[in-house]
Amino acid sequence: MEKTNEPKKNKGGRPPKSVKRNRVVALKCASYEQTMISARAKKTGLTVSEYLRELGLNGQIVITEKVLPREVLSMAGTLNHIAANLNQIAKKRNSVVDELNAADRASLEFLSRELKQLVLSIKMYLQ
């Protein structure tokens, strides 16, 4: 009798995976953390295991501290100072009793020049 090349009969069942994952890594977290992890995994369309595996193998956690340079802090302080002075002048200007005198006008002119200089400093800093 001759053997013919008949295809093997499919026995059914789940096909074998190319990489067998049979190791378990335990993870402790709070319930709110578990909820957040599950939500993020669902958002990406992965299971929690796939999400954590991808994050652990390919992801990176970047811790950034929000530290502003001294120049920026100095500019912010100057802007706050100018804003307070302008607010006082505007209050005096809108008042029925008080009007702007020569000193107030000079102060307003000085603040205007200081503000323009600060804007130029910011532009130079950003370039």
C-alpha atoms as a PDB file:
ATOM      1  CA  MET A   1       0.000   0.000   0.000  1.00  0.00           C
ATOM      2  CA  GLU A   2       1.093   3.435  -0.804  1.00  0.00           C
ATOM      3  CA  LYS A   3       0.989   6.259   1.702  1.00  0.00           C
ATOM      4  CA  THR A   4      -0.467   9.469   0.487  1.00  0.00           C
ATOM      5  CA  ASN A   5       0.481  12.780   1.959  1.00  0.00           C
ATOM      6  CA  GLU A   6      -2.695  13.495   3.784  1.00  0.00           C
ATOM      7  CA  PRO A   7      -2.704  16.547   6.026  1.00  0.00           C
ATOM      8  CA  LYS A   8      -2.661  15.784   9.709  1.00  0.00           C
ATOM      9  CA  LYS A   9      -6.016  15.861  11.287  1.00  0.00           C
ATOM     10  CA  ASN A  10      -6.568  18.892  13.486  1.00  0.00           C
ATOM     11  CA  LYS A  11      -7.239  17.680  16.986  1.00  0.00           C
ATOM     12  CA  GLY A  12      -8.760  21.016  17.960  1.00  0.00           C
ATOM     13  CA  GLY A  13      -8.028  23.020  21.054  1.00  0.00           C
ATOM     14  CA  ARG A  14      -5.938  26.091  21.561  1.00  0.00           C
ATOM     15  CA  PRO A  15      -2.884  26.407  19.334  1.00  0.00           C
ATOM     16  CA  PRO A  16       0.443  26.475  21.148  1.00  0.00           C
ATOM     17  CA  LYS A  17       1.928  29.891  21.953  1.00  0.00           C
ATOM     18  CA  SER A  18       5.329  30.850  20.630  1.00  0.00           C
ATOM     19  CA  VAL A  19       6.456  32.026  24.089  1.00  0.00           C
ATOM     20  CA  LYS A  20       5.152  30.157  27.086  1.00  0.00           C
ATOM     21  CA  ARG A  21       4.723  32.430  30.071  1.00  0.00           C
ATOM     22  CA  ASN A  22       4.547  30.280  33.153  1.00  0.00           C
ATOM     23  CA  ARG A  23       6.255  32.485  35.761  1.00  0.00           C
ATOM     24  CA  VAL A  24       4.262  34.585  38.226  1.00  0.00           C
ATOM     25  CA  VAL A  25       5.422  37.896  39.633  1.00  0.00           C
ATOM     26  CA  ALA A  26       3.453  39.094  42.653  1.00  0.00           C
ATOM     27  CA  LEU A  27       2.678  42.763  43.061  1.00  0.00           C
ATOM     28  CA  LYS A  28       1.289  44.480  46.129  1.00  0.00           C
ATOM     29  CA  CYS A  29      -0.637  47.685  45.775  1.00  0.00           C
ATOM     30  CA  ALA A  30      -3.512  49.568  47.331  1.00  0.00           C
ATOM     31  CA  SER A  31      -7.014  49.161  45.965  1.00  0.00           C
ATOM     32  CA  TYR A  32      -7.002  52.615  44.355  1.00  0.00           C
ATOM     33  CA  GLU A  33      -3.662  51.813  42.702  1.00  0.00           C
ATOM     34  CA  GLN A  34      -5.083  48.573  41.345  1.00  0.00           C
ATOM     35  CA  THR A  35      -8.058  50.472  39.987  1.00  0.00           C
ATOM     36  CA  MET A  36      -5.771  52.999  38.281  1.00  0.00           C
ATOM     37  CA  ILE A  37      -3.569  50.268  36.795  1.00  0.00           C
ATOM     38  CA  SER A  38      -6.614  48.376  35.517  1.00  0.00           C
ATOM     39  CA  ALA A  39      -8.084  51.543  34.006  1.00  0.00           C
ATOM     40  CA  ARG A  40      -4.837  52.416  32.233  1.00  0.00           C
ATOM     41  CA  ALA A  41      -4.502  48.861  30.929  1.00  0.00           C
ATOM     42  CA  LYS A  42      -8.071  48.925  29.635  1.00  0.00           C
ATOM     43  CA  LYS A  43      -7.454  52.317  28.011  1.00  0.00           C
ATOM     44  CA  THR A  44      -4.517  50.879  26.072  1.00  0.00           C
ATOM     45  CA  GLY A  45      -6.454  47.759  25.110  1.00  0.00           C
ATOM     46  CA  LEU A  46      -4.206  45.361  27.038  1.00  0.00           C
ATOM     47  CA  THR A  47      -4.755  43.015  29.925  1.00  0.00           C
ATOM     48  CA  VAL A  48      -3.265  44.042  33.247  1.00  0.00           C
ATOM     49  CA  SER A  49      -0.524  41.419  32.817  1.00  0.00           C
ATOM     50  CA  GLU A  50       0.338  42.613  29.312  1.00  0.00           C
ATOM     51  CA  TYR A  51       0.260  46.248  30.426  1.00  0.00           C
ATOM     52  CA  LEU A  52       2.572  45.715  33.397  1.00  0.00           C
ATOM     53  CA  ARG A  53       4.888  43.459  31.358  1.00  0.00           C
ATOM     54  CA  GLU A  54       5.203  46.087  28.597  1.00  0.00           C
ATOM     55  CA  LEU A  55       5.724  48.823  31.170  1.00  0.00           C
ATOM     56  CA  GLY A  56       8.329  46.775  32.998  1.00  0.00           C
ATOM     57  CA  LEU A  57      10.236  45.708  29.895  1.00  0.00           C
ATOM     58  CA  ASN A  58       9.964  48.738  27.638  1.00  0.00           C
ATOM     59  CA  GLY A  59       8.637  51.574  29.739  1.00  0.00           C
ATOM     60  CA  GLN A  60      10.479  54.031  31.832  1.00  0.00           C
ATOM     61  CA  ILE A  61       9.442  56.106  34.775  1.00  0.00           C
ATOM     62  CA  VAL A  62      10.630  59.659  34.636  1.00  0.00           C
ATOM     63  CA  ILE A  63      10.555  61.630  37.850  1.00  0.00           C
ATOM     64  CA  THR A  64      10.584  65.310  37.102  1.00  0.00           C
ATOM     65  CA  GLU A  65      10.926  67.999  39.676  1.00  0.00           C
ATOM     66  CA  LYS A  66       9.387  71.293  38.851  1.00  0.00           C
ATOM     67  CA  VAL A  67      12.297  73.566  39.617  1.00  0.00           C
ATOM     68  CA  LEU A  68      12.234  76.967  38.026  1.00  0.00           C
ATOM     69  CA  PRO A  69      15.474  78.794  37.283  1.00  0.00           C
ATOM     70  CA  ARG A  70      16.314  81.832  39.400  1.00  0.00           C
ATOM     71  CA  GLU A  71      15.786  84.135  36.444  1.00  0.00           C
ATOM     72  CA  VAL A  72      12.213  82.941  36.017  1.00  0.00           C
ATOM     73  CA  LEU A  73      11.479  83.286  39.734  1.00  0.00           C
ATOM     74  CA  SER A  74      12.951  86.776  39.697  1.00  0.00           C
ATOM     75  CA  MET A  75      10.807  87.751  36.711  1.00  0.00           C
ATOM     76  CA  ALA A  76       7.709  86.336  38.393  1.00  0.00           C
ATOM     77  CA  GLY A  77       8.449  88.360  41.530  1.00  0.00           C
ATOM     78  CA  THR A  78       8.892  91.520  39.493  1.00  0.00           C
ATOM     79  CA  LEU A  79       5.626  90.887  37.657  1.00  0.00           C
ATOM     80  CA  ASN A  80       3.808  90.423  40.985  1.00  0.00           C
ATOM     81  CA  HIS A  81       5.281  93.691  42.270  1.00  0.00           C
ATOM     82  CA  ILE A  82       4.248  95.576  39.135  1.00  0.00           C
ATOM     83  CA  ALA A  83       0.767  94.063  39.250  1.00  0.00           C
ATOM     84  CA  ALA A  84       0.267  95.177  42.856  1.00  0.00           C
ATOM     85  CA  ASN A  85       1.406  98.715  42.066  1.00  0.00           C
ATOM     86  CA  LEU A  86      -0.790  98.931  38.969  1.00  0.00           C
ATOM     87  CA  ASN A  87      -3.733  97.700  41.007  1.00  0.00           C
ATOM     88  CA  GLN A  88      -3.193 100.474  43.576  1.00  0.00           C
ATOM     89  CA  ILE A  89      -2.948 103.096  40.838  1.00  0.00           C
ATOM     90  CA  ALA A  90      -6.076 101.784  39.080  1.00  0.00           C
ATOM     91  CA  LYS A  91      -7.969 101.861  42.386  1.00  0.00           C
ATOM     92  CA  LYS A  92      -6.914 105.453  42.969  1.00  0.00           C
ATOM     93  CA  ARG A  93      -7.771 106.395  39.372  1.00  0.00           C
ATOM     94  CA  ASN A  94     -11.245 104.882  39.588  1.00  0.00           C
ATOM     95  CA  SER A  95     -11.949 106.556  42.895  1.00  0.00           C
ATOM     96  CA  VAL A  96     -14.175 109.619  42.909  1.00  0.00           C
ATOM     97  CA  VAL A  97     -12.242 111.354  45.694  1.00  0.00           C
ATOM     98  CA  ASP A  98      -8.609 110.798  44.689  1.00  0.00           C
ATOM     99  CA  GLU A  99      -7.041 111.672  41.380  1.00  0.00           C
ATOM    100  CA  LEU A 100      -3.635 110.823  40.024  1.00  0.00           C
ATOM    101  CA  ASN A 101      -1.060 113.382  41.025  1.00  0.00           C
ATOM    102  CA  ALA A 102       2.336 113.984  39.445  1.00  0.00           C
ATOM    103  CA  ALA A 103       4.035 111.381  41.673  1.00  0.00           C
ATOM    104  CA  ASP A 104       1.474 108.750  40.705  1.00  0.00           C
ATOM    105  CA  ARG A 105       1.913 109.539  37.023  1.00  0.00           C
ATOM    106  CA  ALA A 106       5.701 109.290  37.390  1.00  0.00           C
ATOM    107  CA  SER A 107       5.283 105.962  39.197  1.00  0.00           C
ATOM    108  CA  LEU A 108       3.020 104.728  36.412  1.00  0.00           C
ATOM    109  CA  GLU A 109       5.568 105.777  33.782  1.00  0.00           C
ATOM    110  CA  PHE A 110       8.347 104.011  35.705  1.00  0.00           C
ATOM    111  CA  LEU A 111       6.259 100.813  36.013  1.00  0.00           C
ATOM    112  CA  SER A 112       5.498 100.934  32.304  1.00  0.00           C
ATOM    113  CA  ARG A 113       9.212 101.132  31.443  1.00  0.00           C
ATOM    114  CA  GLU A 114      10.028  98.377  33.944  1.00  0.00           C
ATOM    115  CA  LEU A 115       7.343  96.155  32.430  1.00  0.00           C
ATOM    116  CA  LYS A 116       8.678  96.704  28.914  1.00  0.00           C
ATOM    117  CA  GLN A 117      12.186  95.857  30.115  1.00  0.00           C
ATOM    118  CA  LEU A 118      10.891  92.696  31.777  1.00  0.00           C
ATOM    119  CA  VAL A 119       9.153  91.636  28.560  1.00  0.00           C
ATOM    120  CA  LEU A 120      12.435  92.102  26.679  1.00  0.00           C
ATOM    121  CA  SER A 121      14.256  90.051  29.333  1.00  0.00           C
ATOM    122  CA  ILE A 122      11.723  87.251  28.977  1.00  0.00           C
ATOM    123  CA  LYS A 123      12.085  87.259  25.189  1.00  0.00           C
ATOM    124  CA  MET A 124      15.872  87.118  25.489  1.00  0.00           C
ATOM    125  CA  TYR A 125      15.653  84.295  28.055  1.00  0.00           C
ATOM    126  CA  LEU A 126      13.399  82.222  25.808  1.00  0.00           C
ATOM    127  CA  GLN A 127      15.666  82.525  22.769  1.00  0.00           C
END
